[in-house]
Amino acid sequence: SILGLVPFSYYPEFVGLLASKDRDG
């Protein structure tokens, strides 16, 4: 939050939603 960075965990979470075709998610 201090450096305004994106937490690493966001990428696998987002890719997971795309991989499972969860459009709304």
PDBML (XML) file of the C-alpha atoms, coordinates in Angstrom:
<?xml version="1.0" encoding="UTF-8" ?>
<PDBx:datablock datablockName="MODEL"
   xmlns:PDBx="http://pdbml.pdb.org/schema/pdbx-v50.xsd"
   xmlns:xsi="http://www.w3.org/2001/XMLSchema-instance"
   xsi:schemaLocation="http://pdbml.pdb.org/schema/pdbx-v50.xsd pdbx-v50.xsd">
   <PDBx:atom_siteCategory>
      <PDBx:atom_site id="1">
         <PDBx:B_iso_or_equiv>0.00</PDBx:B_iso_or_equiv>
         <PDBx:Cartn_x>0.000</PDBx:Cartn_x>
         <PDBx:Cartn_y>0.000</PDBx:Cartn_y>
         <PDBx:Cartn_z>0.000</PDBx:Cartn_z>
         <PDBx:auth_asym_id>A</PDBx:auth_asym_id>
         <PDBx:auth_atom_id>CA</PDBx:auth_atom_id>
         <PDBx:auth_comp_id>SER</PDBx:auth_comp_id>
         <PDBx:auth_seq_id>1</PDBx:auth_seq_id>
         <PDBx:group_PDB>ATOM</PDBx:group_PDB>
         <PDBx:label_alt_id xsi:nil="true" />
         <PDBx:label_asym_id>A</PDBx:label_asym_id>
         <PDBx:label_atom_id>CA</PDBx:label_atom_id>
         <PDBx:label_comp_id>SER</PDBx:label_comp_id>
         <PDBx:label_entity_id>1</PDBx:label_entity_id>
         <PDBx:label_seq_id>1</PDBx:label_seq_id>
         <PDBx:occupancy>1.00</PDBx:occupancy>
         <PDBx:pdbx_PDB_model_num>1</PDBx:pdbx_PDB_model_num>
         <PDBx:type_symbol>C</PDBx:type_symbol>
      </PDBx:atom_site>
      <PDBx:atom_site id="2">
         <PDBx:B_iso_or_equiv>0.00</PDBx:B_iso_or_equiv>
         <PDBx:Cartn_x>2.889</PDBx:Cartn_x>
         <PDBx:Cartn_y>2.433</PDBx:Cartn_y>
         <PDBx:Cartn_z>0.656</PDBx:Cartn_z>
         <PDBx:auth_asym_id>A</PDBx:auth_asym_id>
         <PDBx:auth_atom_id>CA</PDBx:auth_atom_id>
         <PDBx:auth_comp_id>ILE</PDBx:auth_comp_id>
         <PDBx:auth_seq_id>2</PDBx:auth_seq_id>
         <PDBx:group_PDB>ATOM</PDBx:group_PDB>
         <PDBx:label_alt_id xsi:nil="true" />
         <PDBx:label_asym_id>A</PDBx:label_asym_id>
         <PDBx:label_atom_id>CA</PDBx:label_atom_id>
         <PDBx:label_comp_id>ILE</PDBx:label_comp_id>
         <PDBx:label_entity_id>1</PDBx:label_entity_id>
         <PDBx:label_seq_id>2</PDBx:label_seq_id>
         <PDBx:occupancy>1.00</PDBx:occupancy>
         <PDBx:pdbx_PDB_model_num>1</PDBx:pdbx_PDB_model_num>
         <PDBx:type_symbol>C</PDBx:type_symbol>
      </PDBx:atom_site>
      <PDBx:atom_site id="3">
         <PDBx:B_iso_or_equiv>0.00</PDBx:B_iso_or_equiv>
         <PDBx:Cartn_x>4.447</PDBx:Cartn_x>
         <PDBx:Cartn_y>1.823</PDBx:Cartn_y>
         <PDBx:Cartn_z>-2.745</PDBx:Cartn_z>
         <PDBx:auth_asym_id>A</PDBx:auth_asym_id>
         <PDBx:auth_atom_id>CA</PDBx:auth_atom_id>
         <PDBx:auth_comp_id>LEU</PDBx:auth_comp_id>
         <PDBx:auth_seq_id>3</PDBx:auth_seq_id>
         <PDBx:group_PDB>ATOM</PDBx:group_PDB>
         <PDBx:label_alt_id xsi:nil="true" />
         <PDBx:label_asym_id>A</PDBx:label_asym_id>
         <PDBx:label_atom_id>CA</PDBx:label_atom_id>
         <PDBx:label_comp_id>LEU</PDBx:label_comp_id>
         <PDBx:label_entity_id>1</PDBx:label_entity_id>
         <PDBx:label_seq_id>3</PDBx:label_seq_id>
         <PDBx:occupancy>1.00</PDBx:occupancy>
         <PDBx:pdbx_PDB_model_num>1</PDBx:pdbx_PDB_model_num>
         <PDBx:type_symbol>C</PDBx:type_symbol>
      </PDBx:atom_site>
      <PDBx:atom_site id="4">
         <PDBx:B_iso_or_equiv>0.00</PDBx:B_iso_or_equiv>
         <PDBx:Cartn_x>1.086</PDBx:Cartn_x>
         <PDBx:Cartn_y>1.517</PDBx:Cartn_y>
         <PDBx:Cartn_z>-4.516</PDBx:Cartn_z>
         <PDBx:auth_asym_id>A</PDBx:auth_asym_id>
         <PDBx:auth_atom_id>CA</PDBx:auth_atom_id>
         <PDBx:auth_comp_id>GLY</PDBx:auth_comp_id>
         <PDBx:auth_seq_id>4</PDBx:auth_seq_id>
         <PDBx:group_PDB>ATOM</PDBx:group_PDB>
         <PDBx:label_alt_id xsi:nil="true" />
         <PDBx:label_asym_id>A</PDBx:label_asym_id>
         <PDBx:label_atom_id>CA</PDBx:label_atom_id>
         <PDBx:label_comp_id>GLY</PDBx:label_comp_id>
         <PDBx:label_entity_id>1</PDBx:label_entity_id>
         <PDBx:label_seq_id>4</PDBx:label_seq_id>
         <PDBx:occupancy>1.00</PDBx:occupancy>
         <PDBx:pdbx_PDB_model_num>1</PDBx:pdbx_PDB_model_num>
         <PDBx:type_symbol>C</PDBx:type_symbol>
      </PDBx:atom_site>
      <PDBx:atom_site id="5">
         <PDBx:B_iso_or_equiv>0.00</PDBx:B_iso_or_equiv>
         <PDBx:Cartn_x>2.003</PDBx:Cartn_x>
         <PDBx:Cartn_y>-1.947</PDBx:Cartn_y>
         <PDBx:Cartn_z>-5.751</PDBx:Cartn_z>
         <PDBx:auth_asym_id>A</PDBx:auth_asym_id>
         <PDBx:auth_atom_id>CA</PDBx:auth_atom_id>
         <PDBx:auth_comp_id>LEU</PDBx:auth_comp_id>
         <PDBx:auth_seq_id>5</PDBx:auth_seq_id>
         <PDBx:group_PDB>ATOM</PDBx:group_PDB>
         <PDBx:label_alt_id xsi:nil="true" />
         <PDBx:label_asym_id>A</PDBx:label_asym_id>
         <PDBx:label_atom_id>CA</PDBx:label_atom_id>
         <PDBx:label_comp_id>LEU</PDBx:label_comp_id>
         <PDBx:label_entity_id>1</PDBx:label_entity_id>
         <PDBx:label_seq_id>5</PDBx:label_seq_id>
         <PDBx:occupancy>1.00</PDBx:occupancy>
         <PDBx:pdbx_PDB_model_num>1</PDBx:pdbx_PDB_model_num>
         <PDBx:type_symbol>C</PDBx:type_symbol>
      </PDBx:atom_site>
      <PDBx:atom_site id="6">
         <PDBx:B_iso_or_equiv>0.00</PDBx:B_iso_or_equiv>
         <PDBx:Cartn_x>-0.273</PDBx:Cartn_x>
         <PDBx:Cartn_y>-4.732</PDBx:Cartn_y>
         <PDBx:Cartn_z>-6.835</PDBx:Cartn_z>
         <PDBx:auth_asym_id>A</PDBx:auth_asym_id>
         <PDBx:auth_atom_id>CA</PDBx:auth_atom_id>
         <PDBx:auth_comp_id>VAL</PDBx:auth_comp_id>
         <PDBx:auth_seq_id>6</PDBx:auth_seq_id>
         <PDBx:group_PDB>ATOM</PDBx:group_PDB>
         <PDBx:label_alt_id xsi:nil="true" />
         <PDBx:label_asym_id>A</PDBx:label_asym_id>
         <PDBx:label_atom_id>CA</PDBx:label_atom_id>
         <PDBx:label_comp_id>VAL</PDBx:label_comp_id>
         <PDBx:label_entity_id>1</PDBx:label_entity_id>
         <PDBx:label_seq_id>6</PDBx:label_seq_id>
         <PDBx:occupancy>1.00</PDBx:occupancy>
         <PDBx:pdbx_PDB_model_num>1</PDBx:pdbx_PDB_model_num>
         <PDBx:type_symbol>C</PDBx:type_symbol>
      </PDBx:atom_site>
      <PDBx:atom_site id="7">
         <PDBx:B_iso_or_equiv>0.00</PDBx:B_iso_or_equiv>
         <PDBx:Cartn_x>-0.190</PDBx:Cartn_x>
         <PDBx:Cartn_y>-7.705</PDBx:Cartn_y>
         <PDBx:Cartn_z>-4.428</PDBx:Cartn_z>
         <PDBx:auth_asym_id>A</PDBx:auth_asym_id>
         <PDBx:auth_atom_id>CA</PDBx:auth_atom_id>
         <PDBx:auth_comp_id>PRO</PDBx:auth_comp_id>
         <PDBx:auth_seq_id>7</PDBx:auth_seq_id>
         <PDBx:group_PDB>ATOM</PDBx:group_PDB>
         <PDBx:label_alt_id xsi:nil="true" />
         <PDBx:label_asym_id>A</PDBx:label_asym_id>
         <PDBx:label_atom_id>CA</PDBx:label_atom_id>
         <PDBx:label_comp_id>PRO</PDBx:label_comp_id>
         <PDBx:label_entity_id>1</PDBx:label_entity_id>
         <PDBx:label_seq_id>7</PDBx:label_seq_id>
         <PDBx:occupancy>1.00</PDBx:occupancy>
         <PDBx:pdbx_PDB_model_num>1</PDBx:pdbx_PDB_model_num>
         <PDBx:type_symbol>C</PDBx:type_symbol>
      </PDBx:atom_site>
      <PDBx:atom_site id="8">
         <PDBx:B_iso_or_equiv>0.00</PDBx:B_iso_or_equiv>
         <PDBx:Cartn_x>1.164</PDBx:Cartn_x>
         <PDBx:Cartn_y>-10.831</PDBx:Cartn_y>
         <PDBx:Cartn_z>-6.162</PDBx:Cartn_z>
         <PDBx:auth_asym_id>A</PDBx:auth_asym_id>
         <PDBx:auth_atom_id>CA</PDBx:auth_atom_id>
         <PDBx:auth_comp_id>PHE</PDBx:auth_comp_id>
         <PDBx:auth_seq_id>8</PDBx:auth_seq_id>
         <PDBx:group_PDB>ATOM</PDBx:group_PDB>
         <PDBx:label_alt_id xsi:nil="true" />
         <PDBx:label_asym_id>A</PDBx:label_asym_id>
         <PDBx:label_atom_id>CA</PDBx:label_atom_id>
         <PDBx:label_comp_id>PHE</PDBx:label_comp_id>
         <PDBx:label_entity_id>1</PDBx:label_entity_id>
         <PDBx:label_seq_id>8</PDBx:label_seq_id>
         <PDBx:occupancy>1.00</PDBx:occupancy>
         <PDBx:pdbx_PDB_model_num>1</PDBx:pdbx_PDB_model_num>
         <PDBx:type_symbol>C</PDBx:type_symbol>
      </PDBx:atom_site>
      <PDBx:atom_site id="9">
         <PDBx:B_iso_or_equiv>0.00</PDBx:B_iso_or_equiv>
         <PDBx:Cartn_x>-1.886</PDBx:Cartn_x>
         <PDBx:Cartn_y>-12.818</PDBx:Cartn_y>
         <PDBx:Cartn_z>-5.105</PDBx:Cartn_z>
         <PDBx:auth_asym_id>A</PDBx:auth_asym_id>
         <PDBx:auth_atom_id>CA</PDBx:auth_atom_id>
         <PDBx:auth_comp_id>SER</PDBx:auth_comp_id>
         <PDBx:auth_seq_id>9</PDBx:auth_seq_id>
         <PDBx:group_PDB>ATOM</PDBx:group_PDB>
         <PDBx:label_alt_id xsi:nil="true" />
         <PDBx:label_asym_id>A</PDBx:label_asym_id>
         <PDBx:label_atom_id>CA</PDBx:label_atom_id>
         <PDBx:label_comp_id>SER</PDBx:label_comp_id>
         <PDBx:label_entity_id>1</PDBx:label_entity_id>
         <PDBx:label_seq_id>9</PDBx:label_seq_id>
         <PDBx:occupancy>1.00</PDBx:occupancy>
         <PDBx:pdbx_PDB_model_num>1</PDBx:pdbx_PDB_model_num>
         <PDBx:type_symbol>C</PDBx:type_symbol>
      </PDBx:atom_site>
      <PDBx:atom_site id="10">
         <PDBx:B_iso_or_equiv>0.00</PDBx:B_iso_or_equiv>
         <PDBx:Cartn_x>-4.098</PDBx:Cartn_x>
         <PDBx:Cartn_y>-10.719</PDBx:Cartn_y>
         <PDBx:Cartn_z>-7.398</PDBx:Cartn_z>
         <PDBx:auth_asym_id>A</PDBx:auth_asym_id>
         <PDBx:auth_atom_id>CA</PDBx:auth_atom_id>
         <PDBx:auth_comp_id>TYR</PDBx:auth_comp_id>
         <PDBx:auth_seq_id>10</PDBx:auth_seq_id>
         <PDBx:group_PDB>ATOM</PDBx:group_PDB>
         <PDBx:label_alt_id xsi:nil="true" />
         <PDBx:label_asym_id>A</PDBx:label_asym_id>
         <PDBx:label_atom_id>CA</PDBx:label_atom_id>
         <PDBx:label_comp_id>TYR</PDBx:label_comp_id>
         <PDBx:label_entity_id>1</PDBx:label_entity_id>
         <PDBx:label_seq_id>10</PDBx:label_seq_id>
         <PDBx:occupancy>1.00</PDBx:occupancy>
         <PDBx:pdbx_PDB_model_num>1</PDBx:pdbx_PDB_model_num>
         <PDBx:type_symbol>C</PDBx:type_symbol>
      </PDBx:atom_site>
      <PDBx:atom_site id="11">
         <PDBx:B_iso_or_equiv>0.00</PDBx:B_iso_or_equiv>
         <PDBx:Cartn_x>-2.664</PDBx:Cartn_x>
         <PDBx:Cartn_y>-12.293</PDBx:Cartn_y>
         <PDBx:Cartn_z>-10.546</PDBx:Cartn_z>
         <PDBx:auth_asym_id>A</PDBx:auth_asym_id>
         <PDBx:auth_atom_id>CA</PDBx:auth_atom_id>
         <PDBx:auth_comp_id>TYR</PDBx:auth_comp_id>
         <PDBx:auth_seq_id>11</PDBx:auth_seq_id>
         <PDBx:group_PDB>ATOM</PDBx:group_PDB>
         <PDBx:label_alt_id xsi:nil="true" />
         <PDBx:label_asym_id>A</PDBx:label_asym_id>
         <PDBx:label_atom_id>CA</PDBx:label_atom_id>
         <PDBx:label_comp_id>TYR</PDBx:label_comp_id>
         <PDBx:label_entity_id>1</PDBx:label_entity_id>
         <PDBx:label_seq_id>11</PDBx:label_seq_id>
         <PDBx:occupancy>1.00</PDBx:occupancy>
         <PDBx:pdbx_PDB_model_num>1</PDBx:pdbx_PDB_model_num>
         <PDBx:type_symbol>C</PDBx:type_symbol>
      </PDBx:atom_site>
      <PDBx:atom_site id="12">
         <PDBx:B_iso_or_equiv>0.00</PDBx:B_iso_or_equiv>
         <PDBx:Cartn_x>-3.339</PDBx:Cartn_x>
         <PDBx:Cartn_y>-15.963</PDBx:Cartn_y>
         <PDBx:Cartn_z>-9.753</PDBx:Cartn_z>
         <PDBx:auth_asym_id>A</PDBx:auth_asym_id>
         <PDBx:auth_atom_id>CA</PDBx:auth_atom_id>
         <PDBx:auth_comp_id>PRO</PDBx:auth_comp_id>
         <PDBx:auth_seq_id>12</PDBx:auth_seq_id>
         <PDBx:group_PDB>ATOM</PDBx:group_PDB>
         <PDBx:label_alt_id xsi:nil="true" />
         <PDBx:label_asym_id>A</PDBx:label_asym_id>
         <PDBx:label_atom_id>CA</PDBx:label_atom_id>
         <PDBx:label_comp_id>PRO</PDBx:label_comp_id>
         <PDBx:label_entity_id>1</PDBx:label_entity_id>
         <PDBx:label_seq_id>12</PDBx:label_seq_id>
         <PDBx:occupancy>1.00</PDBx:occupancy>
         <PDBx:pdbx_PDB_model_num>1</PDBx:pdbx_PDB_model_num>
         <PDBx:type_symbol>C</PDBx:type_symbol>
      </PDBx:atom_site>
      <PDBx:atom_site id="13">
         <PDBx:B_iso_or_equiv>0.00</PDBx:B_iso_or_equiv>
         <PDBx:Cartn_x>-6.754</PDBx:Cartn_x>
         <PDBx:Cartn_y>-14.964</PDBx:Cartn_y>
         <PDBx:Cartn_z>-8.417</PDBx:Cartn_z>
         <PDBx:auth_asym_id>A</PDBx:auth_asym_id>
         <PDBx:auth_atom_id>CA</PDBx:auth_atom_id>
         <PDBx:auth_comp_id>GLU</PDBx:auth_comp_id>
         <PDBx:auth_seq_id>13</PDBx:auth_seq_id>
         <PDBx:group_PDB>ATOM</PDBx:group_PDB>
         <PDBx:label_alt_id xsi:nil="true" />
         <PDBx:label_asym_id>A</PDBx:label_asym_id>
         <PDBx:label_atom_id>CA</PDBx:label_atom_id>
         <PDBx:label_comp_id>GLU</PDBx:label_comp_id>
         <PDBx:label_entity_id>1</PDBx:label_entity_id>
         <PDBx:label_seq_id>13</PDBx:label_seq_id>
         <PDBx:occupancy>1.00</PDBx:occupancy>
         <PDBx:pdbx_PDB_model_num>1</PDBx:pdbx_PDB_model_num>
         <PDBx:type_symbol>C</PDBx:type_symbol>
      </PDBx:atom_site>
      <PDBx:atom_site id="14">
         <PDBx:B_iso_or_equiv>0.00</PDBx:B_iso_or_equiv>
         <PDBx:Cartn_x>-7.680</PDBx:Cartn_x>
         <PDBx:Cartn_y>-13.137</PDBx:Cartn_y>
         <PDBx:Cartn_z>-11.633</PDBx:Cartn_z>
         <PDBx:auth_asym_id>A</PDBx:auth_asym_id>
         <PDBx:auth_atom_id>CA</PDBx:auth_atom_id>
         <PDBx:auth_comp_id>PHE</PDBx:auth_comp_id>
         <PDBx:auth_seq_id>14</PDBx:auth_seq_id>
         <PDBx:group_PDB>ATOM</PDBx:group_PDB>
         <PDBx:label_alt_id xsi:nil="true" />
         <PDBx:label_asym_id>A</PDBx:label_asym_id>
         <PDBx:label_atom_id>CA</PDBx:label_atom_id>
         <PDBx:label_comp_id>PHE</PDBx:label_comp_id>
         <PDBx:label_entity_id>1</PDBx:label_entity_id>
         <PDBx:label_seq_id>14</PDBx:label_seq_id>
         <PDBx:occupancy>1.00</PDBx:occupancy>
         <PDBx:pdbx_PDB_model_num>1</PDBx:pdbx_PDB_model_num>
         <PDBx:type_symbol>C</PDBx:type_symbol>
      </PDBx:atom_site>
      <PDBx:atom_site id="15">
         <PDBx:B_iso_or_equiv>0.00</PDBx:B_iso_or_equiv>
         <PDBx:Cartn_x>-6.211</PDBx:Cartn_x>
         <PDBx:Cartn_y>-15.826</PDBx:Cartn_y>
         <PDBx:Cartn_z>-13.898</PDBx:Cartn_z>
         <PDBx:auth_asym_id>A</PDBx:auth_asym_id>
         <PDBx:auth_atom_id>CA</PDBx:auth_atom_id>
         <PDBx:auth_comp_id>VAL</PDBx:auth_comp_id>
         <PDBx:auth_seq_id>15</PDBx:auth_seq_id>
         <PDBx:group_PDB>ATOM</PDBx:group_PDB>
         <PDBx:label_alt_id xsi:nil="true" />
         <PDBx:label_asym_id>A</PDBx:label_asym_id>
         <PDBx:label_atom_id>CA</PDBx:label_atom_id>
         <PDBx:label_comp_id>VAL</PDBx:label_comp_id>
         <PDBx:label_entity_id>1</PDBx:label_entity_id>
         <PDBx:label_seq_id>15</PDBx:label_seq_id>
         <PDBx:occupancy>1.00</PDBx:occupancy>
         <PDBx:pdbx_PDB_model_num>1</PDBx:pdbx_PDB_model_num>
         <PDBx:type_symbol>C</PDBx:type_symbol>
      </PDBx:atom_site>
      <PDBx:atom_site id="16">
         <PDBx:B_iso_or_equiv>0.00</PDBx:B_iso_or_equiv>
         <PDBx:Cartn_x>-8.205</PDBx:Cartn_x>
         <PDBx:Cartn_y>-18.382</PDBx:Cartn_y>
         <PDBx:Cartn_z>-11.899</PDBx:Cartn_z>
         <PDBx:auth_asym_id>A</PDBx:auth_asym_id>
         <PDBx:auth_atom_id>CA</PDBx:auth_atom_id>
         <PDBx:auth_comp_id>GLY</PDBx:auth_comp_id>
         <PDBx:auth_seq_id>16</PDBx:auth_seq_id>
         <PDBx:group_PDB>ATOM</PDBx:group_PDB>
         <PDBx:label_alt_id xsi:nil="true" />
         <PDBx:label_asym_id>A</PDBx:label_asym_id>
         <PDBx:label_atom_id>CA</PDBx:label_atom_id>
         <PDBx:label_comp_id>GLY</PDBx:label_comp_id>
         <PDBx:label_entity_id>1</PDBx:label_entity_id>
         <PDBx:label_seq_id>16</PDBx:label_seq_id>
         <PDBx:occupancy>1.00</PDBx:occupancy>
         <PDBx:pdbx_PDB_model_num>1</PDBx:pdbx_PDB_model_num>
         <PDBx:type_symbol>C</PDBx:type_symbol>
      </PDBx:atom_site>
      <PDBx:atom_site id="17">
         <PDBx:B_iso_or_equiv>0.00</PDBx:B_iso_or_equiv>
         <PDBx:Cartn_x>-11.425</PDBx:Cartn_x>
         <PDBx:Cartn_y>-16.492</PDBx:Cartn_y>
         <PDBx:Cartn_z>-12.640</PDBx:Cartn_z>
         <PDBx:auth_asym_id>A</PDBx:auth_asym_id>
         <PDBx:auth_atom_id>CA</PDBx:auth_atom_id>
         <PDBx:auth_comp_id>LEU</PDBx:auth_comp_id>
         <PDBx:auth_seq_id>17</PDBx:auth_seq_id>
         <PDBx:group_PDB>ATOM</PDBx:group_PDB>
         <PDBx:label_alt_id xsi:nil="true" />
         <PDBx:label_asym_id>A</PDBx:label_asym_id>
         <PDBx:label_atom_id>CA</PDBx:label_atom_id>
         <PDBx:label_comp_id>LEU</PDBx:label_comp_id>
         <PDBx:label_entity_id>1</PDBx:label_entity_id>
         <PDBx:label_seq_id>17</PDBx:label_seq_id>
         <PDBx:occupancy>1.00</PDBx:occupancy>
         <PDBx:pdbx_PDB_model_num>1</PDBx:pdbx_PDB_model_num>
         <PDBx:type_symbol>C</PDBx:type_symbol>
      </PDBx:atom_site>
      <PDBx:atom_site id="18">
         <PDBx:B_iso_or_equiv>0.00</PDBx:B_iso_or_equiv>
         <PDBx:Cartn_x>-10.556</PDBx:Cartn_x>
         <PDBx:Cartn_y>-16.330</PDBx:Cartn_y>
         <PDBx:Cartn_z>-16.342</PDBx:Cartn_z>
         <PDBx:auth_asym_id>A</PDBx:auth_asym_id>
         <PDBx:auth_atom_id>CA</PDBx:auth_atom_id>
         <PDBx:auth_comp_id>LEU</PDBx:auth_comp_id>
         <PDBx:auth_seq_id>18</PDBx:auth_seq_id>
         <PDBx:group_PDB>ATOM</PDBx:group_PDB>
         <PDBx:label_alt_id xsi:nil="true" />
         <PDBx:label_asym_id>A</PDBx:label_asym_id>
         <PDBx:label_atom_id>CA</PDBx:label_atom_id>
         <PDBx:label_comp_id>LEU</PDBx:label_comp_id>
         <PDBx:label_entity_id>1</PDBx:label_entity_id>
         <PDBx:label_seq_id>18</PDBx:label_seq_id>
         <PDBx:occupancy>1.00</PDBx:occupancy>
         <PDBx:pdbx_PDB_model_num>1</PDBx:pdbx_PDB_model_num>
         <PDBx:type_symbol>C</PDBx:type_symbol>
      </PDBx:atom_site>
      <PDBx:atom_site id="19">
         <PDBx:B_iso_or_equiv>0.00</PDBx:B_iso_or_equiv>
         <PDBx:Cartn_x>-9.526</PDBx:Cartn_x>
         <PDBx:Cartn_y>-19.991</PDBx:Cartn_y>
         <PDBx:Cartn_z>-16.474</PDBx:Cartn_z>
         <PDBx:auth_asym_id>A</PDBx:auth_asym_id>
         <PDBx:auth_atom_id>CA</PDBx:auth_atom_id>
         <PDBx:auth_comp_id>ALA</PDBx:auth_comp_id>
         <PDBx:auth_seq_id>19</PDBx:auth_seq_id>
         <PDBx:group_PDB>ATOM</PDBx:group_PDB>
         <PDBx:label_alt_id xsi:nil="true" />
         <PDBx:label_asym_id>A</PDBx:label_asym_id>
         <PDBx:label_atom_id>CA</PDBx:label_atom_id>
         <PDBx:label_comp_id>ALA</PDBx:label_comp_id>
         <PDBx:label_entity_id>1</PDBx:label_entity_id>
         <PDBx:label_seq_id>19</PDBx:label_seq_id>
         <PDBx:occupancy>1.00</PDBx:occupancy>
         <PDBx:pdbx_PDB_model_num>1</PDBx:pdbx_PDB_model_num>
         <PDBx:type_symbol>C</PDBx:type_symbol>
      </PDBx:atom_site>
      <PDBx:atom_site id="20">
         <PDBx:B_iso_or_equiv>0.00</PDBx:B_iso_or_equiv>
         <PDBx:Cartn_x>-12.804</PDBx:Cartn_x>
         <PDBx:Cartn_y>-21.075</PDBx:Cartn_y>
         <PDBx:Cartn_z>-14.896</PDBx:Cartn_z>
         <PDBx:auth_asym_id>A</PDBx:auth_asym_id>
         <PDBx:auth_atom_id>CA</PDBx:auth_atom_id>
         <PDBx:auth_comp_id>SER</PDBx:auth_comp_id>
         <PDBx:auth_seq_id>20</PDBx:auth_seq_id>
         <PDBx:group_PDB>ATOM</PDBx:group_PDB>
         <PDBx:label_alt_id xsi:nil="true" />
         <PDBx:label_asym_id>A</PDBx:label_asym_id>
         <PDBx:label_atom_id>CA</PDBx:label_atom_id>
         <PDBx:label_comp_id>SER</PDBx:label_comp_id>
         <PDBx:label_entity_id>1</PDBx:label_entity_id>
         <PDBx:label_seq_id>20</PDBx:label_seq_id>
         <PDBx:occupancy>1.00</PDBx:occupancy>
         <PDBx:pdbx_PDB_model_num>1</PDBx:pdbx_PDB_model_num>
         <PDBx:type_symbol>C</PDBx:type_symbol>
      </PDBx:atom_site>
      <PDBx:atom_site id="21">
         <PDBx:B_iso_or_equiv>0.00</PDBx:B_iso_or_equiv>
         <PDBx:Cartn_x>-14.719</PDBx:Cartn_x>
         <PDBx:Cartn_y>-18.744</PDBx:Cartn_y>
         <PDBx:Cartn_z>-17.265</PDBx:Cartn_z>
         <PDBx:auth_asym_id>A</PDBx:auth_asym_id>
         <PDBx:auth_atom_id>CA</PDBx:auth_atom_id>
         <PDBx:auth_comp_id>LYS</PDBx:auth_comp_id>
         <PDBx:auth_seq_id>21</PDBx:auth_seq_id>
         <PDBx:group_PDB>ATOM</PDBx:group_PDB>
         <PDBx:label_alt_id xsi:nil="true" />
         <PDBx:label_asym_id>A</PDBx:label_asym_id>
         <PDBx:label_atom_id>CA</PDBx:label_atom_id>
         <PDBx:label_comp_id>LYS</PDBx:label_comp_id>
         <PDBx:label_entity_id>1</PDBx:label_entity_id>
         <PDBx:label_seq_id>21</PDBx:label_seq_id>
         <PDBx:occupancy>1.00</PDBx:occupancy>
         <PDBx:pdbx_PDB_model_num>1</PDBx:pdbx_PDB_model_num>
         <PDBx:type_symbol>C</PDBx:type_symbol>
      </PDBx:atom_site>
      <PDBx:atom_site id="22">
         <PDBx:B_iso_or_equiv>0.00</PDBx:B_iso_or_equiv>
         <PDBx:Cartn_x>-16.291</PDBx:Cartn_x>
         <PDBx:Cartn_y>-16.841</PDBx:Cartn_y>
         <PDBx:Cartn_z>-14.363</PDBx:Cartn_z>
         <PDBx:auth_asym_id>A</PDBx:auth_asym_id>
         <PDBx:auth_atom_id>CA</PDBx:auth_atom_id>
         <PDBx:auth_comp_id>ASP</PDBx:auth_comp_id>
         <PDBx:auth_seq_id>22</PDBx:auth_seq_id>
         <PDBx:group_PDB>ATOM</PDBx:group_PDB>
         <PDBx:label_alt_id xsi:nil="true" />
         <PDBx:label_asym_id>A</PDBx:label_asym_id>
         <PDBx:label_atom_id>CA</PDBx:label_atom_id>
         <PDBx:label_comp_id>ASP</PDBx:label_comp_id>
         <PDBx:label_entity_id>1</PDBx:label_entity_id>
         <PDBx:label_seq_id>22</PDBx:label_seq_id>
         <PDBx:occupancy>1.00</PDBx:occupancy>
         <PDBx:pdbx_PDB_model_num>1</PDBx:pdbx_PDB_model_num>
         <PDBx:type_symbol>C</PDBx:type_symbol>
      </PDBx:atom_site>
      <PDBx:atom_site id="23">
         <PDBx:B_iso_or_equiv>0.00</PDBx:B_iso_or_equiv>
         <PDBx:Cartn_x>-17.239</PDBx:Cartn_x>
         <PDBx:Cartn_y>-13.727</PDBx:Cartn_y>
         <PDBx:Cartn_z>-16.304</PDBx:Cartn_z>
         <PDBx:auth_asym_id>A</PDBx:auth_asym_id>
         <PDBx:auth_atom_id>CA</PDBx:auth_atom_id>
         <PDBx:auth_comp_id>ARG</PDBx:auth_comp_id>
         <PDBx:auth_seq_id>23</PDBx:auth_seq_id>
         <PDBx:group_PDB>ATOM</PDBx:group_PDB>
         <PDBx:label_alt_id xsi:nil="true" />
         <PDBx:label_asym_id>A</PDBx:label_asym_id>
         <PDBx:label_atom_id>CA</PDBx:label_atom_id>
         <PDBx:label_comp_id>ARG</PDBx:label_comp_id>
         <PDBx:label_entity_id>1</PDBx:label_entity_id>
         <PDBx:label_seq_id>23</PDBx:label_seq_id>
         <PDBx:occupancy>1.00</PDBx:occupancy>
         <PDBx:pdbx_PDB_model_num>1</PDBx:pdbx_PDB_model_num>
         <PDBx:type_symbol>C</PDBx:type_symbol>
      </PDBx:atom_site>
      <PDBx:atom_site id="24">
         <PDBx:B_iso_or_equiv>0.00</PDBx:B_iso_or_equiv>
         <PDBx:Cartn_x>-19.115</PDBx:Cartn_x>
         <PDBx:Cartn_y>-11.936</PDBx:Cartn_y>
         <PDBx:Cartn_z>-13.503</PDBx:Cartn_z>
         <PDBx:auth_asym_id>A</PDBx:auth_asym_id>
         <PDBx:auth_atom_id>CA</PDBx:auth_atom_id>
         <PDBx:auth_comp_id>ASP</PDBx:auth_comp_id>
         <PDBx:auth_seq_id>24</PDBx:auth_seq_id>
         <PDBx:group_PDB>ATOM</PDBx:group_PDB>
         <PDBx:label_alt_id xsi:nil="true" />
         <PDBx:label_asym_id>A</PDBx:label_asym_id>
         <PDBx:label_atom_id>CA</PDBx:label_atom_id>
         <PDBx:label_comp_id>ASP</PDBx:label_comp_id>
         <PDBx:label_entity_id>1</PDBx:label_entity_id>
         <PDBx:label_seq_id>24</PDBx:label_seq_id>
         <PDBx:occupancy>1.00</PDBx:occupancy>
         <PDBx:pdbx_PDB_model_num>1</PDBx:pdbx_PDB_model_num>
         <PDBx:type_symbol>C</PDBx:type_symbol>
      </PDBx:atom_site>
      <PDBx:atom_site id="25">
         <PDBx:B_iso_or_equiv>0.00</PDBx:B_iso_or_equiv>
         <PDBx:Cartn_x>-16.394</PDBx:Cartn_x>
         <PDBx:Cartn_y>-12.762</PDBx:Cartn_y>
         <PDBx:Cartn_z>-11.008</PDBx:Cartn_z>
         <PDBx:auth_asym_id>A</PDBx:auth_asym_id>
         <PDBx:auth_atom_id>CA</PDBx:auth_atom_id>
         <PDBx:auth_comp_id>GLY</PDBx:auth_comp_id>
         <PDBx:auth_seq_id>25</PDBx:auth_seq_id>
         <PDBx:group_PDB>ATOM</PDBx:group_PDB>
         <PDBx:label_alt_id xsi:nil="true" />
         <PDBx:label_asym_id>A</PDBx:label_asym_id>
         <PDBx:label_atom_id>CA</PDBx:label_atom_id>
         <PDBx:label_comp_id>GLY</PDBx:label_comp_id>
         <PDBx:label_entity_id>1</PDBx:label_entity_id>
         <PDBx:label_seq_id>25</PDBx:label_seq_id>
         <PDBx:occupancy>1.00</PDBx:occupancy>
         <PDBx:pdbx_PDB_model_num>1</PDBx:pdbx_PDB_model_num>
         <PDBx:type_symbol>C</PDBx:type_symbol>
      </PDBx:atom_site>
   </PDBx:atom_siteCategory>
</PDBx:datablock>
